[in-house]
């Protein structure tokens, strides 16, 4: 079941990001679900857009840093 869900997530990511420009940092910041799908696909080697992988990782790292610093 998890494998089917993972495959579905990857296919959704490909469909969403496969057309047009790579997802930018603003889009990835506003859509954590898309960001996590892209990061998962990047981690398992099925995502072929290095720029999207880099953007998603940068936003993920920035969010982790913000959370670790606590409320502003």
PDB file of N, CA and C in Angstrom:
ATOM      1  N   UNK A   1       0.824  -1.191   0.000  1.00  0.00           N
ATOM      2  CA  UNK A   1       0.000   0.000   0.000  1.00  0.00           C
ATOM      3  C   UNK A   1       0.868   1.256   0.000  1.00  0.00           C
ATOM      4  N   UNK A   2       1.933   1.244   0.823  1.00  0.00           N
ATOM      5  CA  UNK A   2       2.820   2.408   0.859  1.00  0.00           C
ATOM      6  C   UNK A   2       3.507   2.610  -0.483  1.00  0.00           C
ATOM      7  N   UNK A   3       3.844   1.508  -1.130  1.00  0.00           N
ATOM      8  CA  UNK A   3       4.510   1.611  -2.428  1.00  0.00           C
ATOM      9  C   UNK A   3       3.581   2.256  -3.453  1.00  0.00           C
ATOM     10  N   UNK A   4       2.312   1.873  -3.431  1.00  0.00           N
ATOM     11  CA  UNK A   4       1.345   2.468  -4.358  1.00  0.00           C
ATOM     12  C   UNK A   4       1.183   3.956  -4.081  1.00  0.00           C
ATOM     13  N   UNK A   5       1.157   4.329  -2.806  1.00  0.00           N
ATOM     14  CA  UNK A   5       1.030   5.744  -2.448  1.00  0.00           C
ATOM     15  C   UNK A   5       2.273   6.509  -2.885  1.00  0.00           C
ATOM     16  N   UNK A   6       3.430   5.909  -2.708  1.00  0.00           N
ATOM     17  CA  UNK A   6       4.671   6.556  -3.131  1.00  0.00           C
ATOM     18  C   UNK A   6       4.729   6.732  -4.640  1.00  0.00           C
ATOM     19  N   UNK A   7       4.301   5.693  -5.350  1.00  0.00           N
ATOM     20  CA  UNK A   7       4.267   5.776  -6.809  1.00  0.00           C
ATOM     21  C   UNK A   7       3.288   6.838  -7.261  1.00  0.00           C
ATOM     22  N   UNK A   8       2.143   6.900  -6.609  1.00  0.00           N
ATOM     23  CA  UNK A   8       1.152   7.924  -6.953  1.00  0.00           C
ATOM     24  C   UNK A   8       1.706   9.319  -6.713  1.00  0.00           C
ATOM     25  N   UNK A   9       2.414   9.490  -5.611  1.00  0.00           N
ATOM     26  CA  UNK A   9       2.997  10.800  -5.297  1.00  0.00           C
ATOM     27  C   UNK A   9       4.027  11.196  -6.348  1.00  0.00           C
ATOM     28  N   UNK A  10       4.819  10.238  -6.766  1.00  0.00           N
ATOM     29  CA  UNK A  10       5.836  10.526  -7.780  1.00  0.00           C
ATOM     30  C   UNK A  10       5.180  10.884  -9.106  1.00  0.00           C
ATOM     31  N   UNK A  11       4.160  10.125  -9.484  1.00  0.00           N
ATOM     32  CA  UNK A  11       3.454  10.428 -10.727  1.00  0.00           C
ATOM     33  C   UNK A  11       2.802  11.796 -10.670  1.00  0.00           C
ATOM     34  N   UNK A  12       2.218  12.135  -9.534  1.00  0.00           N
ATOM     35  CA  UNK A  12       1.609  13.451  -9.372  1.00  0.00           C
ATOM     36  C   UNK A  12       2.661  14.539  -9.511  1.00  0.00           C
ATOM     37  N   UNK A  13       3.804  14.325  -8.900  1.00  0.00           N
ATOM     38  CA  UNK A  13       4.890  15.304  -9.000  1.00  0.00           C
ATOM     39  C   UNK A  13       5.327  15.477 -10.445  1.00  0.00           C
ATOM     40  N   UNK A  14       5.457  14.374 -11.154  1.00  0.00           N
ATOM     41  CA  UNK A  14       5.863  14.449 -12.555  1.00  0.00           C
ATOM     42  C   UNK A  14       4.823  15.196 -13.375  1.00  0.00           C
ATOM     43  N   UNK A  15       3.558  14.900 -13.132  1.00  0.00           N
ATOM     44  CA  UNK A  15       2.497  15.583 -13.864  1.00  0.00           C
ATOM     45  C   UNK A  15       2.467  17.067 -13.555  1.00  0.00           C
ATOM     46  N   UNK A  16       2.630  17.409 -12.292  1.00  0.00           N
ATOM     47  CA  UNK A  16       2.563  18.812 -11.883  1.00  0.00           C
ATOM     48  C   UNK A  16       3.785  19.576 -12.359  1.00  0.00           C
ATOM     49  N   UNK A  17       4.948  18.970 -12.241  1.00  0.00           N
ATOM     50  CA  UNK A  17       6.182  19.692 -12.538  1.00  0.00           C
ATOM     51  C   UNK A  17       6.765  19.356 -13.895  1.00  0.00           C
ATOM     52  N   UNK A  18       6.230  18.361 -14.554  1.00  0.00           N
ATOM     53  CA  UNK A  18       6.786  17.937 -15.830  1.00  0.00           C
ATOM     54  C   UNK A  18       6.533  18.899 -16.963  1.00  0.00           C
ATOM     55  N   UNK A  19       5.578  19.767 -16.825  1.00  0.00           N
ATOM     56  CA  UNK A  19       5.237  20.709 -17.882  1.00  0.00           C
ATOM     57  C   UNK A  19       5.714  22.102 -17.502  1.00  0.00           C
ATOM     58  N   UNK A  20       6.423  22.738 -18.394  1.00  0.00           N
ATOM     59  CA  UNK A  20       6.790  24.123 -18.153  1.00  0.00           C
ATOM     60  C   UNK A  20       8.001  24.281 -17.267  1.00  0.00           C
ATOM     61  N   UNK A  21       8.020  25.391 -16.565  1.00  0.00           N
ATOM     62  CA  UNK A  21       9.155  25.774 -15.733  1.00  0.00           C
ATOM     63  C   UNK A  21       9.233  24.922 -14.464  1.00  0.00           C
ATOM     64  N   UNK A  22      10.456  24.755 -13.938  1.00  0.00           N
ATOM     65  CA  UNK A  22      10.593  24.074 -12.647  1.00  0.00           C
ATOM     66  C   UNK A  22       9.890  24.876 -11.553  1.00  0.00           C
ATOM     67  N   UNK A  23       9.442  24.177 -10.535  1.00  0.00           N
ATOM     68  CA  UNK A  23       8.795  24.861  -9.409  1.00  0.00           C
ATOM     69  C   UNK A  23       9.813  25.786  -8.758  1.00  0.00           C
ATOM     70  N   UNK A  24       9.420  27.024  -8.581  1.00  0.00           N
ATOM     71  CA  UNK A  24      10.299  28.008  -7.957  1.00  0.00           C
ATOM     72  C   UNK A  24      10.222  27.941  -6.444  1.00  0.00           C
ATOM     73  N   UNK A  25      11.092  28.686  -5.801  1.00  0.00           N
ATOM     74  CA  UNK A  25      11.150  28.670  -4.341  1.00  0.00           C
ATOM     75  C   UNK A  25       9.865  29.182  -3.711  1.00  0.00           C
ATOM     76  N   UNK A  26       9.252  30.203  -4.305  1.00  0.00           N
ATOM     77  CA  UNK A  26       8.002  30.738  -3.741  1.00  0.00           C
ATOM     78  C   UNK A  26       6.898  29.689  -3.789  1.00  0.00           C
ATOM     79  N   UNK A  27       6.801  28.982  -4.900  1.00  0.00           N
ATOM     80  CA  UNK A  27       5.786  27.933  -5.036  1.00  0.00           C
ATOM     81  C   UNK A  27       6.044  26.799  -4.047  1.00  0.00           C
ATOM     82  N   UNK A  28       7.295  26.399  -3.906  1.00  0.00           N
ATOM     83  CA  UNK A  28       7.636  25.313  -2.992  1.00  0.00           C
ATOM     84  C   UNK A  28       7.440  25.717  -1.537  1.00  0.00           C
ATOM     85  N   UNK A  29       7.661  26.985  -1.225  1.00  0.00           N
ATOM     86  CA  UNK A  29       7.440  27.461   0.146  1.00  0.00           C
ATOM     87  C   UNK A  29       5.957  27.449   0.486  1.00  0.00           C
ATOM     88  N   UNK A  30       5.114  27.794  -0.482  1.00  0.00           N
ATOM     89  CA  UNK A  30       3.675  27.867  -0.225  1.00  0.00           C
ATOM     90  C   UNK A  30       2.981  26.513  -0.328  1.00  0.00           C
ATOM     91  N   UNK A  31       3.664  25.499  -0.857  1.00  0.00           N
ATOM     92  CA  UNK A  31       3.046  24.181  -1.037  1.00  0.00           C
ATOM     93  C   UNK A  31       3.948  23.088  -0.453  1.00  0.00           C
ATOM     94  N   UNK A  32       3.873  22.880   0.883  1.00  0.00           N
ATOM     95  CA  UNK A  32       4.744  21.883   1.525  1.00  0.00           C
ATOM     96  C   UNK A  32       4.540  20.463   0.992  1.00  0.00           C
ATOM     97  N   UNK A  33       3.323  20.149   0.564  1.00  0.00           N
ATOM     98  CA  UNK A  33       3.059  18.804   0.041  1.00  0.00           C
ATOM     99  C   UNK A  33       3.836  18.581  -1.258  1.00  0.00           C
ATOM    100  N   UNK A  34       3.790  19.551  -2.156  1.00  0.00           N
ATOM    101  CA  UNK A  34       4.550  19.451  -3.405  1.00  0.00           C
ATOM    102  C   UNK A  34       6.042  19.356  -3.104  1.00  0.00           C
ATOM    103  N   UNK A  35       6.499  20.182  -2.164  1.00  0.00           N
ATOM    104  CA  UNK A  35       7.918  20.171  -1.786  1.00  0.00           C
ATOM    105  C   UNK A  35       8.337  18.797  -1.276  1.00  0.00           C
ATOM    106  N   UNK A  36       7.531  18.196  -0.424  1.00  0.00           N
ATOM    107  CA  UNK A  36       7.901  16.885   0.122  1.00  0.00           C
ATOM    108  C   UNK A  36       7.878  15.807  -0.959  1.00  0.00           C
ATOM    109  N   UNK A  37       6.950  15.918  -1.909  1.00  0.00           N
ATOM    110  CA  UNK A  37       6.912  14.952  -3.012  1.00  0.00           C
ATOM    111  C   UNK A  37       8.163  15.076  -3.882  1.00  0.00           C
ATOM    112  N   UNK A  38       8.559  16.302  -4.163  1.00  0.00           N
ATOM    113  CA  UNK A  38       9.759  16.516  -4.974  1.00  0.00           C
ATOM    114  C   UNK A  38      10.990  16.011  -4.235  1.00  0.00           C
ATOM    115  N   UNK A  39      11.088  16.309  -2.937  1.00  0.00           N
ATOM    116  CA  UNK A  39      12.242  15.847  -2.157  1.00  0.00           C
ATOM    117  C   UNK A  39      12.318  14.325  -2.118  1.00  0.00           C
ATOM    118  N   UNK A  40      11.169  13.666  -1.989  1.00  0.00           N
ATOM    119  CA  UNK A  40      11.154  12.200  -1.980  1.00  0.00           C
ATOM    120  C   UNK A  40      11.624  11.652  -3.326  1.00  0.00           C
ATOM    121  N   UNK A  41      11.141  12.249  -4.403  1.00  0.00           N
ATOM    122  CA  UNK A  41      11.546  11.800  -5.736  1.00  0.00           C
ATOM    123  C   UNK A  41      13.033  12.079  -5.984  1.00  0.00           C
ATOM    124  N   UNK A  42      13.521  13.195  -5.483  1.00  0.00           N
ATOM    125  CA  UNK A  42      14.951  13.512  -5.618  1.00  0.00           C
ATOM    126  C   UNK A  42      15.791  12.494  -4.846  1.00  0.00           C
ATOM    127  N   UNK A  43      15.333  12.141  -3.663  1.00  0.00           N
ATOM    128  CA  UNK A  43      16.076  11.209  -2.809  1.00  0.00           C
ATOM    129  C   UNK A  43      16.173   9.820  -3.425  1.00  0.00           C
ATOM    130  N   UNK A  44      15.102   9.381  -4.106  1.00  0.00           N
ATOM    131  CA  UNK A  44      15.153   8.031  -4.683  1.00  0.00           C
ATOM    132  C   UNK A  44      15.614   8.022  -6.142  1.00  0.00           C
ATOM    133  N   UNK A  45      15.984   9.200  -6.652  1.00  0.00           N
ATOM    134  CA  UNK A  45      16.567   9.271  -7.986  1.00  0.00           C
ATOM    135  C   UNK A  45      15.588   9.312  -9.139  1.00  0.00           C
ATOM    136  N   UNK A  46      14.298   9.438  -8.853  1.00  0.00           N
ATOM    137  CA  UNK A  46      13.313   9.445  -9.939  1.00  0.00           C
ATOM    138  C   UNK A  46      12.990  10.844 -10.441  1.00  0.00           C
ATOM    139  N   UNK A  47      13.448  11.863  -9.750  1.00  0.00           N
ATOM    140  CA  UNK A  47      13.191  13.246 -10.181  1.00  0.00           C
ATOM    141  C   UNK A  47      14.400  13.720 -10.973  1.00  0.00           C
ATOM    142  N   UNK A  48      14.173  14.188 -12.178  1.00  0.00           N
ATOM    143  CA  UNK A  48      15.293  14.486 -13.070  1.00  0.00           C
ATOM    144  C   UNK A  48      15.658  15.962 -13.154  1.00  0.00           C
ATOM    145  N   UNK A  49      14.908  16.836 -12.499  1.00  0.00           N
ATOM    146  CA  UNK A  49      15.187  18.269 -12.579  1.00  0.00           C
ATOM    147  C   UNK A  49      16.022  18.696 -11.375  1.00  0.00           C
ATOM    148  N   UNK A  50      17.313  18.844 -11.592  1.00  0.00           N
ATOM    149  CA  UNK A  50      18.231  19.183 -10.498  1.00  0.00           C
ATOM    150  C   UNK A  50      17.902  20.535  -9.875  1.00  0.00           C
ATOM    151  N   UNK A  51      17.417  21.480 -10.674  1.00  0.00           N
ATOM    152  CA  UNK A  51      17.079  22.805 -10.145  1.00  0.00           C
ATOM    153  C   UNK A  51      15.922  22.711  -9.158  1.00  0.00           C
ATOM    154  N   UNK A  52      14.910  21.909  -9.475  1.00  0.00           N
ATOM    155  CA  UNK A  52      13.791  21.729  -8.543  1.00  0.00           C
ATOM    156  C   UNK A  52      14.254  21.050  -7.268  1.00  0.00           C
ATOM    157  N   UNK A  53      15.127  20.072  -7.395  1.00  0.00           N
ATOM    158  CA  UNK A  53      15.661  19.404  -6.207  1.00  0.00           C
ATOM    159  C   UNK A  53      16.392  20.411  -5.326  1.00  0.00           C
ATOM    160  N   UNK A  54      17.197  21.237  -5.941  1.00  0.00           N
ATOM    161  CA  UNK A  54      17.947  22.252  -5.205  1.00  0.00           C
ATOM    162  C   UNK A  54      17.010  23.262  -4.547  1.00  0.00           C
ATOM    163  N   UNK A  55      16.005  23.723  -5.285  1.00  0.00           N
ATOM    164  CA  UNK A  55      15.038  24.676  -4.732  1.00  0.00           C
ATOM    165  C   UNK A  55      14.291  24.075  -3.546  1.00  0.00           C
ATOM    166  N   UNK A  56      13.828  22.843  -3.706  1.00  0.00           N
ATOM    167  CA  UNK A  56      13.066  22.189  -2.641  1.00  0.00           C
ATOM    168  C   UNK A  56      13.928  22.003  -1.396  1.00  0.00           C
ATOM    169  N   UNK A  57      15.178  21.607  -1.582  1.00  0.00           N
ATOM    170  CA  UNK A  57      16.081  21.396  -0.448  1.00  0.00           C
ATOM    171  C   UNK A  57      16.390  22.717   0.252  1.00  0.00           C
ATOM    172  N   UNK A  58      16.582  23.779  -0.514  1.00  0.00           N
ATOM    173  CA  UNK A  58      16.865  25.091   0.082  1.00  0.00           C
ATOM    174  C   UNK A  58      15.694  25.568   0.934  1.00  0.00           C
ATOM    175  N   UNK A  59      14.476  25.404   0.438  1.00  0.00           N
ATOM    176  CA  UNK A  59      13.294  25.822   1.191  1.00  0.00           C
ATOM    177  C   UNK A  59      13.115  24.944   2.421  1.00  0.00           C
ATOM    178  N   UNK A  60      13.340  23.656   2.279  1.00  0.00           N
ATOM    179  CA  UNK A  60      13.229  22.737   3.416  1.00  0.00           C
ATOM    180  C   UNK A  60      14.224  23.130   4.511  1.00  0.00           C
ATOM    181  N   UNK A  61      15.458  23.412   4.127  1.00  0.00           N
ATOM    182  CA  UNK A  61      16.479  23.818   5.103  1.00  0.00           C
ATOM    183  C   UNK A  61      16.121  25.139   5.773  1.00  0.00           C
ATOM    184  N   UNK A  62      15.613  26.094   5.010  1.00  0.00           N
ATOM    185  CA  UNK A  62      15.216  27.391   5.574  1.00  0.00           C
ATOM    186  C   UNK A  62      14.066  27.219   6.565  1.00  0.00           C
ATOM    187  N   UNK A  63      13.101  26.363   6.227  1.00  0.00           N
ATOM    188  CA  UNK A  63      11.980  26.113   7.139  1.00  0.00           C
ATOM    189  C   UNK A  63      12.452  25.446   8.428  1.00  0.00           C
ATOM    190  N   UNK A  64      13.372  24.495   8.313  1.00  0.00           N
ATOM    191  CA  UNK A  64      13.913  23.837   9.509  1.00  0.00           C
ATOM    192  C   UNK A  64      14.639  24.843  10.394  1.00  0.00           C
ATOM    193  N   UNK A  65      15.392  25.735   9.779  1.00  0.00           N
ATOM    194  CA  UNK A  65      16.101  26.761  10.542  1.00  0.00           C
ATOM    195  C   UNK A  65      15.111  27.678  11.251  1.00  0.00           C
ATOM    196  N   UNK A  66      14.080  28.117  10.544  1.00  0.00           N
ATOM    197  CA  UNK A  66      13.054  28.974  11.154  1.00  0.00           C
ATOM    198  C   UNK A  66      12.393  28.286  12.346  1.00  0.00           C
ATOM    199  N   UNK A  67      12.064  26.996  12.192  1.00  0.00           N
ATOM    200  CA  UNK A  67      11.423  26.259  13.288  1.00  0.00           C
ATOM    201  C   UNK A  67      12.372  26.105  14.472  1.00  0.00           C
ATOM    202  N   UNK A  68      13.657  25.897  14.194  1.00  0.00           N
ATOM    203  CA  UNK A  68      14.608  25.698  15.289  1.00  0.00           C
ATOM    204  C   UNK A  68      14.854  26.983  16.079  1.00  0.00           C
ATOM    205  N   UNK A  69      14.658  28.129  15.437  1.00  0.00           N
ATOM    206  CA  UNK A  69      14.862  29.406  16.123  1.00  0.00           C
ATOM    207  C   UNK A  69      13.663  29.806  16.968  1.00  0.00           C
ATOM    208  N   UNK A  70      12.544  29.142  16.771  1.00  0.00           N
ATOM    209  CA  UNK A  70      11.352  29.420  17.572  1.00  0.00           C
ATOM    210  C   UNK A  70      10.552  30.585  17.039  1.00  0.00           C
ATOM    211  N   UNK A  71       9.504  30.948  17.801  1.00  0.00           N
ATOM    212  CA  UNK A  71       8.630  32.039  17.356  1.00  0.00           C
ATOM    213  C   UNK A  71       9.375  33.368  17.315  1.00  0.00           C
ATOM    214  N   UNK A  72       8.951  34.201  16.400  1.00  0.00           N
ATOM    215  CA  UNK A  72       9.606  35.509  16.247  1.00  0.00           C
ATOM    216  C   UNK A  72       8.911  36.556  17.061  1.00  0.00           C
TER     217      UNK A  72
END
